[in-house]
Amino acid sequence: MSTTATPPENVRVHVSSTSARIIAVAVLLVFCYYAAGVLITVLLSVLLAYCLDPLVDLLERVHLPRRFGALLVVLLLVAIAAGAAYGLWARAENFDQSWPQYRTVLKQAAGAIESKIKRIEGRVSEIAPDAQPRQGTEPRPNPGIVRSVLLRGMGSLYGLLLEATFVPFLVFFMLVGKRDIWHGTLQLFPASRRTQVKETLEDLRDVLRGYLAGMALVTLVVIVFSSLFFWILGLDYPLLTGVVSGLVNMVPYLGAVLAWLPPLLLGLVKWKTMALGHFLLVAGVLSTFHLLAINLLAPALVGRRVQLNAVAITLALLFWGWLWGGMGLILAIPITATFRVICDHTESWKPIGRWLGA
């Protein structure tokens, strides 16, 4: 009985190929981490360009030059964003003036929780006296942690300024040079693959447009109903709270819980003590909004264009949220949907696409 041995050369080639792929993935992750500001700016610009392109095409069909149509659409987008930001900023300033009363209530709640924790620690120390900290030793703040938090905050501010400055210009240039960019992208590939690339780009356009338009409408509906609910409860700043809660609510899974925080904070001041009934009312109604929006409105408006299963969405949120923070949570689903479209049109990656859409 004879056995066929694998040639050492084939083993070395396989190992070197695997090592090269691992190194390439590691380099890509490092690049995504350190170039987060640039990548987020580009991705946001691409998403907005896909979403605004039908408006520019409509203006072009009524004989308005594409350059002027793109400029008009971008200026309209900037005006809407500036108006919304001004309105939210004015309400945020009003909330800032009322912050002392909220701070007092939060201190009282935090003090009550801290006293309960200390009582529990005292009972534990009676069981395990050695667990008590030594006399004369006090924990000292780690300057490295403080420095890293400050630097991370500065990095977030830098990213926000970068996006606000460059996104309108990038969107304008993408809208104006749409045909040249499309033709240049196809020229990057051999003639035998250009049809496949064209179909991939068309599917990607439909997926991103459908997702953005559908989720924008769903978010607007959730904000309106949340604001009405907070107004009926008699909470202060119902519109501001509804906007914050509605936007957070659209984050899959996590948003259903995070959306409770703004109204519960305001409820502490209105009701002085948050009774169980108040907590269950706010949590139940907001969770109902979230479930209806995600399970009924989103599938009806977005349809089956994204085609991502729950496991893929959860992993994407965890990964991109860890890598890019809040912006990662916003871009996680579009990035994963883009990857699924590419996998569906690449023969060797089709099993990955089928798994993502299973």
Protein backbone atom coordinates (compact mmCIF):
# COMPACT_ATOMS: atom_id res chain seq x y z
CA MET A 1 0.00 0.00 0.00
CA SER A 2 1.57 3.24 -1.14
CA THR A 3 0.92 6.79 0.07
CA THR A 4 1.51 9.94 -1.87
CA ALA A 5 3.58 12.46 0.06
CA THR A 6 3.01 16.17 -0.36
CA PRO A 7 6.05 17.82 -1.93
CA PRO A 8 7.81 20.21 0.46
CA GLU A 9 7.68 22.91 -2.19
CA ASN A 10 3.85 22.85 -2.22
CA VAL A 11 3.73 23.03 1.58
CA ARG A 12 6.04 26.03 1.62
CA VAL A 13 4.03 27.80 -1.08
CA HIS A 14 0.77 27.20 0.82
CA VAL A 15 2.24 28.41 4.12
CA SER A 16 3.76 31.50 2.50
CA SER A 17 0.45 32.31 0.78
CA THR A 18 -1.45 32.02 4.08
CA SER A 19 1.14 34.15 5.87
CA ALA A 20 0.92 36.80 3.16
CA ARG A 21 -2.86 36.96 3.53
CA ILE A 22 -2.64 37.28 7.31
CA ILE A 23 -0.05 40.06 6.99
CA ALA A 24 -2.20 41.83 4.37
CA VAL A 25 -5.26 41.73 6.66
CA ALA A 26 -3.20 43.01 9.59
CA VAL A 27 -1.81 45.88 7.50
CA LEU A 28 -5.33 46.72 6.31
CA LEU A 29 -6.64 46.84 9.90
CA VAL A 30 -3.78 49.09 10.99
CA PHE A 31 -4.44 51.37 8.03
CA CYS A 32 -8.18 51.54 8.81
CA TYR A 33 -7.40 52.43 12.44
CA TYR A 34 -4.86 55.19 11.81
CA ALA A 35 -6.57 56.58 8.69
CA ALA A 36 -10.04 56.54 10.28
CA GLY A 37 -10.70 60.24 9.69
CA VAL A 38 -9.87 60.08 5.99
CA LEU A 39 -11.69 56.81 5.36
CA ILE A 40 -14.84 57.90 7.21
CA THR A 41 -14.88 61.16 5.24
CA VAL A 42 -14.56 59.33 1.92
CA LEU A 43 -17.20 56.72 2.81
CA LEU A 44 -19.70 59.35 3.97
CA SER A 45 -19.10 61.29 0.77
CA VAL A 46 -19.70 58.20 -1.37
CA LEU A 47 -22.94 57.39 0.47
CA LEU A 48 -24.25 60.93 0.15
CA ALA A 49 -23.25 61.08 -3.53
CA TYR A 50 -25.17 57.87 -4.23
CA CYS A 51 -28.19 59.25 -2.39
CA LEU A 52 -28.16 62.71 -4.04
CA ASP A 53 -27.35 61.57 -7.58
CA PRO A 54 -31.02 61.01 -8.58
CA LEU A 55 -31.80 64.65 -7.73
CA VAL A 56 -28.92 65.85 -9.90
CA ASP A 57 -30.06 63.58 -12.74
CA LEU A 58 -33.57 65.03 -12.43
CA LEU A 59 -32.26 68.60 -12.67
CA GLU A 60 -30.13 67.58 -15.64
CA ARG A 61 -33.22 66.20 -17.42
CA VAL A 62 -34.88 69.62 -17.08
CA HIS A 63 -31.90 71.10 -18.97
CA LEU A 64 -29.94 72.43 -15.99
CA PRO A 65 -26.20 71.82 -16.46
CA ARG A 66 -24.94 69.04 -14.23
CA ARG A 67 -22.36 71.26 -12.55
CA PHE A 68 -25.00 73.79 -11.48
CA GLY A 69 -27.41 71.05 -10.49
CA ALA A 70 -24.78 69.41 -8.28
CA LEU A 71 -23.93 72.78 -6.72
CA LEU A 72 -27.60 73.49 -6.01
CA VAL A 73 -28.16 70.07 -4.41
CA VAL A 74 -25.03 70.31 -2.25
CA LEU A 75 -25.92 73.85 -1.11
CA LEU A 76 -29.42 72.62 -0.23
CA LEU A 77 -27.91 69.75 1.76
CA VAL A 78 -25.58 72.13 3.63
CA ALA A 79 -28.46 74.52 4.36
CA ILE A 80 -30.64 71.71 5.75
CA ALA A 81 -27.76 70.38 7.87
CA ALA A 82 -26.92 73.87 9.14
CA GLY A 83 -30.56 74.60 9.99
CA ALA A 84 -30.96 71.31 11.83
CA ALA A 85 -27.69 71.86 13.70
CA TYR A 86 -28.73 75.40 14.67
CA GLY A 87 -32.10 74.24 15.96
CA LEU A 88 -30.57 71.42 17.98
CA TRP A 89 -27.85 73.74 19.28
CA ALA A 90 -30.43 76.27 20.50
CA ARG A 91 -32.33 73.56 22.35
CA ALA A 92 -29.08 72.14 23.70
CA GLU A 93 -28.20 75.58 25.11
CA ASN A 94 -31.58 75.68 26.88
CA PHE A 95 -30.88 72.26 28.28
CA ASP A 96 -27.43 73.42 29.40
CA GLN A 97 -29.01 76.27 31.37
CA SER A 98 -31.27 73.74 33.12
CA TRP A 99 -28.42 71.31 33.74
CA PRO A 100 -27.90 72.18 37.47
CA GLN A 101 -31.24 70.67 38.48
CA TYR A 102 -30.49 67.51 36.48
CA ARG A 103 -27.03 67.34 38.01
CA THR A 104 -28.51 67.51 41.52
CA VAL A 105 -30.91 64.67 40.80
CA LEU A 106 -28.15 62.58 39.22
CA LYS A 107 -25.89 63.18 42.23
CA GLN A 108 -28.62 62.01 44.55
CA ALA A 109 -29.24 58.90 42.46
CA ALA A 110 -25.51 58.20 42.20
CA GLY A 111 -25.13 58.70 45.96
CA ALA A 112 -27.89 56.21 46.67
CA ILE A 113 -26.29 53.65 44.38
CA GLU A 114 -22.84 54.28 45.88
CA SER A 115 -24.15 53.79 49.43
CA LYS A 116 -25.68 50.46 48.46
CA ILE A 117 -22.42 49.37 46.86
CA LYS A 118 -20.49 50.35 49.99
CA ARG A 119 -22.85 48.33 52.16
CA ILE A 120 -22.32 45.32 49.91
CA GLU A 121 -18.54 45.84 50.05
CA GLY A 122 -18.71 46.05 53.85
CA ARG A 123 -20.52 42.73 54.04
CA VAL A 124 -18.03 41.15 51.66
CA SER A 125 -15.12 42.50 53.72
CA GLU A 126 -16.56 40.80 56.79
CA ILE A 127 -16.29 37.49 54.94
CA ALA A 128 -12.90 38.18 53.35
CA PRO A 129 -10.99 40.78 55.44
CA ASP A 130 -7.88 40.39 53.30
CA ALA A 131 -9.79 41.86 50.37
CA GLN A 132 -9.74 45.30 52.08
CA PRO A 133 -7.21 47.77 50.76
CA ARG A 134 -4.26 48.45 53.03
CA GLN A 135 -4.29 51.53 55.21
CA GLY A 136 -2.43 54.44 53.72
CA THR A 137 -2.63 53.20 50.18
CA GLU A 138 -4.96 55.12 47.91
CA PRO A 139 -5.52 54.43 44.25
CA ARG A 140 -3.81 56.94 42.04
CA PRO A 141 -5.12 57.93 38.66
CA ASN A 142 -3.18 56.51 35.77
CA PRO A 143 -1.94 59.45 33.70
CA GLY A 144 -1.61 57.19 30.67
CA ILE A 145 -5.33 56.43 30.71
CA VAL A 146 -6.25 60.11 31.13
CA ARG A 147 -3.92 61.08 28.33
CA SER A 148 -5.31 58.41 26.02
CA VAL A 149 -8.91 59.53 26.71
CA LEU A 150 -8.03 63.15 25.97
CA LEU A 151 -6.20 62.22 22.79
CA ARG A 152 -9.10 60.07 21.67
CA GLY A 153 -11.49 62.98 22.22
CA MET A 154 -9.23 65.28 20.24
CA GLY A 155 -9.10 62.71 17.49
CA SER A 156 -12.91 62.56 17.39
CA LEU A 157 -13.10 66.35 17.21
CA TYR A 158 -10.52 66.35 14.43
CA GLY A 159 -12.53 63.75 12.52
CA LEU A 160 -15.72 65.79 12.91
CA LEU A 161 -14.03 68.93 11.59
CA LEU A 162 -12.51 66.95 8.73
CA GLU A 163 -15.89 65.53 7.73
CA ALA A 164 -17.71 68.87 7.99
CA THR A 165 -15.06 70.57 5.87
CA PHE A 166 -14.35 68.07 3.12
CA VAL A 167 -17.58 66.08 2.71
CA PRO A 168 -19.49 68.83 0.82
CA PHE A 169 -16.59 69.34 -1.59
CA LEU A 170 -16.09 65.62 -2.17
CA VAL A 171 -19.81 65.09 -2.75
CA PHE A 172 -19.87 67.97 -5.24
CA PHE A 173 -16.88 66.65 -7.18
CA MET A 174 -18.30 63.11 -7.20
CA LEU A 175 -21.65 64.32 -8.51
CA VAL A 176 -20.08 66.51 -11.20
CA GLY A 177 -17.57 63.89 -12.35
CA LYS A 178 -19.91 60.91 -12.07
CA ARG A 179 -19.52 59.74 -15.68
CA ASP A 180 -15.75 60.24 -15.76
CA ILE A 181 -15.33 58.41 -12.44
CA TRP A 182 -17.58 55.58 -13.66
CA HIS A 183 -15.66 55.24 -16.94
CA GLY A 184 -12.28 55.50 -15.20
CA THR A 185 -13.24 52.80 -12.70
CA LEU A 186 -14.17 50.41 -15.50
CA GLN A 187 -10.87 51.13 -17.24
CA LEU A 188 -9.00 49.81 -14.20
CA PHE A 189 -10.12 46.27 -15.06
CA PRO A 190 -9.45 44.08 -18.13
CA ALA A 191 -12.00 44.25 -20.93
CA SER A 192 -13.16 40.70 -20.15
CA ARG A 193 -14.23 41.69 -16.62
CA ARG A 194 -15.75 45.11 -17.26
CA THR A 195 -19.27 43.76 -17.68
CA GLN A 196 -18.99 42.00 -14.32
CA VAL A 197 -17.63 45.15 -12.68
CA LYS A 198 -20.42 47.24 -14.22
CA GLU A 199 -23.07 44.88 -12.84
CA THR A 200 -21.38 44.98 -9.42
CA LEU A 201 -21.38 48.78 -9.36
CA GLU A 202 -25.02 48.93 -10.45
CA ASP A 203 -26.09 46.48 -7.73
CA LEU A 204 -24.02 48.41 -5.20
CA ARG A 205 -25.72 51.65 -6.24
CA ASP A 206 -29.18 50.14 -5.81
CA VAL A 207 -28.28 48.63 -2.40
CA LEU A 208 -26.84 51.84 -0.96
CA ARG A 209 -29.60 54.07 -2.31
CA GLY A 210 -32.31 51.76 -1.05
CA TYR A 211 -30.69 51.46 2.36
CA LEU A 212 -30.08 55.19 2.84
CA ALA A 213 -33.50 56.32 1.62
CA GLY A 214 -35.34 53.63 3.57
CA MET A 215 -33.45 54.10 6.83
CA ALA A 216 -33.75 57.90 6.60
CA LEU A 217 -37.53 57.60 6.33
CA VAL A 218 -37.70 55.02 9.13
CA THR A 219 -35.55 57.24 11.37
CA LEU A 220 -37.78 60.24 10.68
CA VAL A 221 -40.89 58.23 11.60
CA VAL A 222 -39.29 57.04 14.85
CA ILE A 223 -38.20 60.59 15.76
CA VAL A 224 -41.71 61.95 15.19
CA PHE A 225 -43.42 59.27 17.27
CA SER A 226 -40.78 59.45 20.02
CA SER A 227 -41.13 63.23 20.25
CA LEU A 228 -44.92 62.93 20.45
CA PHE A 229 -44.59 60.31 23.18
CA PHE A 230 -42.25 62.50 25.24
CA TRP A 231 -44.57 65.49 24.73
CA ILE A 232 -47.55 63.45 25.99
CA LEU A 233 -45.51 62.44 29.06
CA GLY A 234 -44.81 66.11 29.72
CA LEU A 235 -41.02 65.78 29.60
CA ASP A 236 -38.86 68.83 29.02
CA TYR A 237 -37.29 69.26 25.57
CA PRO A 238 -39.42 66.60 23.84
CA LEU A 239 -38.11 67.40 20.34
CA LEU A 240 -34.43 67.33 21.34
CA THR A 241 -34.96 64.15 23.33
CA GLY A 242 -36.93 62.62 20.46
CA VAL A 243 -34.17 63.38 17.95
CA VAL A 244 -31.43 61.91 20.15
CA SER A 245 -33.51 58.91 21.17
CA GLY A 246 -34.76 58.33 17.62
CA LEU A 247 -31.29 58.44 16.08
CA VAL A 248 -29.86 56.11 18.70
CA ASN A 249 -32.88 53.84 18.35
CA MET A 250 -31.96 53.02 14.77
CA VAL A 251 -28.73 51.29 15.82
CA PRO A 252 -29.67 47.62 15.58
CA TYR A 253 -30.05 45.80 18.92
CA LEU A 254 -28.04 48.29 21.01
CA GLY A 255 -30.30 51.19 20.10
CA ALA A 256 -33.33 49.59 21.74
CA VAL A 257 -31.61 50.03 25.14
CA LEU A 258 -29.59 53.20 24.52
CA ALA A 259 -32.76 55.05 23.46
CA TRP A 260 -34.07 54.78 27.03
CA LEU A 261 -31.32 56.94 28.53
CA PRO A 262 -32.35 60.48 27.40
CA PRO A 263 -36.01 60.24 28.52
CA LEU A 264 -35.08 58.47 31.75
CA LEU A 265 -32.67 61.29 32.60
CA LEU A 266 -35.40 63.89 32.08
CA GLY A 267 -37.89 61.69 33.91
CA LEU A 268 -35.71 61.73 37.03
CA VAL A 269 -36.30 65.47 37.30
CA LYS A 270 -40.00 65.42 36.42
CA TRP A 271 -40.95 62.50 38.64
CA LYS A 272 -38.21 63.11 41.28
CA THR A 273 -37.90 59.37 41.82
CA MET A 274 -38.10 56.98 38.90
CA ALA A 275 -40.84 54.54 39.86
CA LEU A 276 -40.91 51.09 38.33
CA GLY A 277 -44.08 51.96 36.43
CA HIS A 278 -42.47 55.00 34.81
CA PHE A 279 -39.40 53.00 33.84
CA LEU A 280 -41.47 50.18 32.35
CA LEU A 281 -43.65 52.66 30.43
CA VAL A 282 -40.69 54.43 28.80
CA ALA A 283 -38.76 51.22 28.14
CA GLY A 284 -41.81 49.39 26.81
CA VAL A 285 -42.99 52.12 24.43
CA LEU A 286 -39.51 52.86 23.04
CA SER A 287 -38.78 49.16 22.63
CA THR A 288 -42.08 48.81 20.77
CA PHE A 289 -41.08 51.67 18.45
CA HIS A 290 -37.73 49.97 17.86
CA LEU A 291 -39.24 46.55 17.14
CA LEU A 292 -41.89 47.95 14.80
CA ALA A 293 -39.34 50.09 12.96
CA ILE A 294 -36.75 47.34 12.54
CA ASN A 295 -39.10 44.43 11.85
CA LEU A 296 -41.94 46.10 9.93
CA LEU A 297 -41.00 49.51 8.52
CA ALA A 298 -37.38 48.77 7.62
CA PRO A 299 -38.10 45.55 5.67
CA ALA A 300 -41.00 47.25 3.86
CA LEU A 301 -39.05 50.41 2.95
CA VAL A 302 -35.57 49.02 2.52
CA GLY A 303 -36.78 45.68 1.18
CA ARG A 304 -34.36 42.84 0.66
CA ARG A 305 -31.62 44.98 -0.86
CA VAL A 306 -29.20 44.76 2.07
CA GLN A 307 -29.67 40.99 2.54
CA LEU A 308 -27.62 40.57 5.71
CA ASN A 309 -28.41 38.05 8.41
CA ALA A 310 -28.57 38.93 12.11
CA VAL A 311 -25.19 37.34 12.92
CA ALA A 312 -23.43 39.30 10.16
CA ILE A 313 -25.04 42.57 11.31
CA THR A 314 -24.08 41.93 14.95
CA LEU A 315 -20.47 41.09 14.09
CA ALA A 316 -20.24 44.12 11.81
CA LEU A 317 -21.54 46.43 14.54
CA LEU A 318 -19.11 44.99 17.08
CA PHE A 319 -16.11 45.22 14.77
CA TRP A 320 -16.66 48.63 13.19
CA GLY A 321 -17.91 50.09 16.47
CA TRP A 322 -14.71 48.91 18.15
CA LEU A 323 -12.58 50.26 15.30
CA TRP A 324 -14.26 53.63 14.60
CA GLY A 325 -16.59 54.24 17.54
CA GLY A 326 -19.92 55.92 16.83
CA MET A 327 -19.22 56.46 13.13
CA GLY A 328 -18.36 52.78 12.87
CA LEU A 329 -21.85 51.90 14.12
CA ILE A 330 -23.35 54.17 11.45
CA LEU A 331 -21.23 52.80 8.59
CA ALA A 332 -21.13 49.15 9.67
CA ILE A 333 -24.18 47.98 7.70
CA PRO A 334 -23.37 49.88 4.45
CA ILE A 335 -19.78 48.59 4.52
CA THR A 336 -20.90 45.01 5.15
CA ALA A 337 -23.60 45.26 2.47
CA THR A 338 -20.98 46.54 0.02
CA PHE A 339 -18.74 43.59 0.85
CA ARG A 340 -21.66 41.20 0.30
CA VAL A 341 -22.36 42.66 -3.15
CA ILE A 342 -18.70 42.27 -4.10
CA CYS A 343 -18.73 38.67 -2.87
CA ASP A 344 -21.88 37.90 -4.87
CA HIS A 345 -20.13 39.00 -8.07
CA THR A 346 -16.78 37.30 -7.37
CA GLU A 347 -16.77 33.59 -8.12
CA SER A 348 -14.28 32.56 -5.43
CA TRP A 349 -16.03 34.69 -2.76
CA LYS A 350 -19.62 33.63 -3.46
CA PRO A 351 -19.72 31.26 -0.43
CA ILE A 352 -18.93 34.24 1.83
CA GLY A 353 -21.70 36.26 0.18
CA ARG A 354 -24.17 33.42 0.68
CA TRP A 355 -23.19 33.20 4.36
CA LEU A 356 -23.62 36.94 4.88
CA GLY A 357 -27.06 36.85 3.30
CA ALA A 358 -28.22 33.55 4.77
